[in-house]
């Protein structure tokens, strides 16, 4: 059975931290492909404008050119309305019955996963591969959170032992809006695309 990792998110914009997670999942767990799947209308990002989907898709395509096992998927982008992970994973399993999907997330998402739409369904439908770092504000360590979710939901969770890179899309948008350099945070081709398209130059780009 083919094994494929799913990297979901807004990717507004994609950055080197996203790429690190995808590469680590491929190397550490032998996943044959990593699908970067930008969301159409992310339900948790209603507090700020989200960049047009075509621009986000183009930035992903540029960022992934060097990695033949990384693909851009429009699976969520083609859907109307809010896109929830539980629904996406169910549809993926129906559409690709011969594939075993893994869902790749950061530690922050693992600590927040019980606030997601139908979290039990998310954890029942795909093993989780989690970036191995602690999460500020939690009383549990990462290992304790994993043990808790395994006991409560029967979740299949493994750690990605990647180098920690503290990069966030919010930080990049803010730097661009302030006229600051983003070299080293995003691939060069993505930085050039952002400059050409004049993305993230306005005040709303600094919002969460």
Protein backbone atom coordinates (compact mmCIF):
# COMPACT_ATOMS: atom_id res chain seq x y z
CA UNK A 1 0.00 0.00 0.00
CA UNK A 2 1.35 3.39 -0.98
CA UNK A 3 2.13 5.70 1.93
CA UNK A 4 1.54 9.44 1.50
CA UNK A 5 1.94 12.31 3.93
CA UNK A 6 -0.50 15.21 3.98
CA UNK A 7 0.73 18.67 4.89
CA UNK A 8 -2.32 20.86 5.37
CA UNK A 9 -2.52 24.55 6.13
CA UNK A 10 -3.07 27.98 4.70
CA UNK A 11 0.53 28.29 3.39
CA UNK A 12 0.21 32.07 3.42
CA UNK A 13 3.05 31.94 2.51
CA UNK A 14 4.84 28.58 2.52
CA UNK A 15 8.16 28.85 4.38
CA UNK A 16 11.28 26.80 5.06
CA UNK A 17 9.79 25.32 8.23
CA UNK A 18 7.01 23.71 6.18
CA UNK A 19 9.59 22.25 3.82
CA UNK A 20 11.63 20.89 6.72
CA UNK A 21 8.63 18.95 8.07
CA UNK A 22 7.83 17.47 4.67
CA UNK A 23 11.43 16.39 4.08
CA UNK A 24 11.73 14.89 7.56
CA UNK A 25 8.53 12.84 7.14
CA UNK A 26 9.81 11.52 3.82
CA UNK A 27 13.22 10.58 5.22
CA UNK A 28 12.30 9.34 8.68
CA UNK A 29 9.13 7.38 7.89
CA UNK A 30 9.75 6.42 4.29
CA UNK A 31 6.70 8.16 2.89
CA UNK A 32 6.70 7.91 -0.89
CA UNK A 33 5.06 11.29 -1.44
CA UNK A 34 4.23 14.39 0.56
CA UNK A 35 1.15 16.28 -0.58
CA UNK A 36 1.09 19.97 0.36
CA UNK A 37 -2.62 20.74 0.51
CA UNK A 38 -3.59 24.40 0.94
CA UNK A 39 -7.00 25.04 2.43
CA UNK A 40 -9.66 26.89 0.46
CA UNK A 41 -11.43 28.73 3.27
CA UNK A 42 -9.72 27.88 6.58
CA UNK A 43 -12.40 28.13 9.32
CA UNK A 44 -9.85 29.27 11.96
CA UNK A 45 -8.47 32.17 9.89
CA UNK A 46 -11.51 34.44 9.72
CA UNK A 47 -9.75 37.27 11.60
CA UNK A 48 -7.66 38.33 8.60
CA UNK A 49 -7.81 38.27 4.80
CA UNK A 50 -6.27 35.14 3.28
CA UNK A 51 -4.23 35.51 0.10
CA UNK A 52 -5.90 34.34 -3.11
CA UNK A 53 -5.69 30.59 -3.56
CA UNK A 54 -3.98 30.83 -6.94
CA UNK A 55 -1.12 32.85 -5.44
CA UNK A 56 -0.71 30.37 -2.60
CA UNK A 57 -0.72 27.47 -5.05
CA UNK A 58 1.88 29.17 -7.24
CA UNK A 59 4.16 29.79 -4.24
CA UNK A 60 3.86 26.14 -3.26
CA UNK A 61 4.72 24.99 -6.78
CA UNK A 62 7.85 27.18 -6.79
CA UNK A 63 8.93 26.00 -3.34
CA UNK A 64 8.54 22.31 -4.18
CA UNK A 65 10.33 22.29 -7.54
CA UNK A 66 13.50 20.85 -5.99
CA UNK A 67 11.71 17.99 -4.25
CA UNK A 68 10.26 15.38 -6.66
CA UNK A 69 8.47 13.55 -3.83
CA UNK A 70 6.62 16.73 -2.78
CA UNK A 71 3.47 17.61 -4.71
CA UNK A 72 0.94 20.43 -4.60
CA UNK A 73 -2.60 19.14 -4.11
CA UNK A 74 -5.71 21.18 -4.92
CA UNK A 75 -7.93 18.62 -3.16
CA UNK A 76 -9.16 21.15 -0.56
CA UNK A 77 -8.90 24.17 -2.83
CA UNK A 78 -11.55 22.70 -5.14
CA UNK A 79 -14.07 22.29 -2.33
CA UNK A 80 -16.62 24.98 -1.52
CA UNK A 81 -17.15 26.45 1.93
CA UNK A 82 -15.08 25.77 5.04
CA UNK A 83 -12.61 22.90 4.78
CA UNK A 84 -12.26 20.75 7.88
CA UNK A 85 -9.52 18.16 8.33
CA UNK A 86 -11.96 15.46 9.46
CA UNK A 87 -13.94 15.82 6.23
CA UNK A 88 -10.81 16.03 4.06
CA UNK A 89 -9.34 12.82 5.47
CA UNK A 90 -12.65 10.99 5.00
CA UNK A 91 -12.87 12.13 1.37
CA UNK A 92 -9.24 11.20 0.73
CA UNK A 93 -9.84 7.67 2.02
CA UNK A 94 -12.90 7.33 -0.21
CA UNK A 95 -11.08 8.67 -3.28
CA UNK A 96 -7.75 6.85 -2.79
CA UNK A 97 -8.67 3.56 -1.15
CA UNK A 98 -5.29 2.04 -2.06
CA UNK A 99 -3.32 4.71 -0.13
CA UNK A 100 -2.42 4.93 3.54
CA UNK A 101 -2.38 8.61 4.48
CA UNK A 102 -0.36 10.19 7.28
CA UNK A 103 -1.20 13.64 8.61
CA UNK A 104 1.81 15.86 9.33
CA UNK A 105 1.42 18.61 11.93
CA UNK A 106 3.43 20.82 14.26
CA UNK A 107 3.43 20.38 18.01
CA UNK A 108 1.18 23.43 18.42
CA UNK A 109 -1.54 21.68 16.40
CA UNK A 110 -1.22 18.53 18.50
CA UNK A 111 -1.87 20.51 21.68
CA UNK A 112 -4.85 22.27 20.06
CA UNK A 113 -6.32 19.29 18.22
CA UNK A 114 -9.20 18.77 20.67
CA UNK A 115 -10.54 22.20 19.62
CA UNK A 116 -10.74 21.09 15.98
CA UNK A 117 -13.92 20.00 14.21
CA UNK A 118 -14.56 16.36 15.19
CA UNK A 119 -11.04 15.64 16.54
CA UNK A 120 -11.85 11.99 17.25
CA UNK A 121 -12.55 11.47 13.54
CA UNK A 122 -9.28 13.17 12.60
CA UNK A 123 -7.27 10.85 14.85
CA UNK A 124 -9.22 7.76 13.80
CA UNK A 125 -8.61 8.30 10.08
CA UNK A 126 -4.85 8.82 9.83
CA UNK A 127 -1.68 8.36 11.87
CA UNK A 128 -0.24 11.69 13.01
CA UNK A 129 3.40 12.65 12.49
CA UNK A 130 4.25 15.49 14.84
CA UNK A 131 7.17 17.89 14.84
CA UNK A 132 9.05 17.17 18.06
CA UNK A 133 9.13 20.26 20.20
CA UNK A 134 7.39 21.56 23.29
CA UNK A 135 4.48 23.97 23.27
CA UNK A 136 4.47 27.06 25.47
CA UNK A 137 1.43 27.44 27.66
CA UNK A 138 0.72 23.72 28.10
CA UNK A 139 1.01 21.93 31.42
CA UNK A 140 1.95 18.74 29.54
CA UNK A 141 5.16 17.85 27.76
CA UNK A 142 4.91 16.66 24.17
CA UNK A 143 5.32 13.04 25.29
CA UNK A 144 2.57 13.50 27.89
CA UNK A 145 0.23 15.02 25.30
CA UNK A 146 0.86 12.11 22.95
CA UNK A 147 0.20 9.60 25.74
CA UNK A 148 -3.00 11.45 26.68
CA UNK A 149 -4.36 11.44 23.13
CA UNK A 150 -3.43 7.80 22.61
CA UNK A 151 -5.27 6.81 25.79
CA UNK A 152 -8.37 8.93 25.13
CA UNK A 153 -8.75 8.47 21.35
CA UNK A 154 -6.60 5.48 20.46
CA UNK A 155 -4.60 7.83 18.27
CA UNK A 156 -1.58 6.64 16.29
CA UNK A 157 1.02 9.38 16.87
CA UNK A 158 4.74 9.42 16.07
CA UNK A 159 7.34 12.16 16.51
CA UNK A 160 9.29 13.78 13.70
CA UNK A 161 12.84 14.30 14.93
CA UNK A 162 13.58 17.37 12.84
CA UNK A 163 15.78 20.31 13.64
CA UNK A 164 13.75 23.09 15.21
CA UNK A 165 13.25 26.17 13.04
CA UNK A 166 11.21 28.95 14.55
CA UNK A 167 9.43 30.34 11.50
CA UNK A 168 5.80 31.36 11.18
CA UNK A 169 3.87 32.70 8.20
CA UNK A 170 2.58 35.51 10.42
CA UNK A 171 6.17 36.57 11.11
CA UNK A 172 6.96 36.61 7.38
CA UNK A 173 3.86 38.66 6.52
CA UNK A 174 4.74 41.15 9.24
CA UNK A 175 8.34 41.48 8.05
CA UNK A 176 7.21 42.14 4.48
CA UNK A 177 4.63 44.69 5.63
CA UNK A 178 7.41 46.44 7.57
CA UNK A 179 9.78 46.37 4.59
CA UNK A 180 12.15 43.89 6.27
CA UNK A 181 14.25 41.13 4.72
CA UNK A 182 12.82 37.58 4.50
CA UNK A 183 15.91 35.83 3.13
CA UNK A 184 16.42 32.48 4.83
CA UNK A 185 12.76 32.22 5.81
CA UNK A 186 11.28 31.25 2.44
CA UNK A 187 12.78 29.74 -0.73
CA UNK A 188 14.34 32.34 -3.04
CA UNK A 189 11.78 31.73 -5.80
CA UNK A 190 8.95 32.29 -3.31
CA UNK A 191 10.52 35.56 -2.13
CA UNK A 192 10.82 36.69 -5.76
CA UNK A 193 7.16 35.79 -6.43
CA UNK A 194 6.00 37.71 -3.35
CA UNK A 195 7.98 40.75 -4.50
CA UNK A 196 6.68 40.52 -8.06
CA UNK A 197 3.07 40.16 -6.95
CA UNK A 198 3.46 42.78 -4.17
CA UNK A 199 1.93 40.45 -1.58
CA UNK A 200 1.67 41.16 2.17
CA UNK A 201 2.48 44.85 1.90
CA UNK A 202 -0.52 46.18 3.78
CA UNK A 203 -1.45 46.55 7.42
CA UNK A 204 -3.86 43.60 7.45
CA UNK A 205 -0.93 41.31 6.60
CA UNK A 206 0.36 41.76 10.16
CA UNK A 207 -2.74 40.23 11.73
CA UNK A 208 -2.69 36.70 13.15
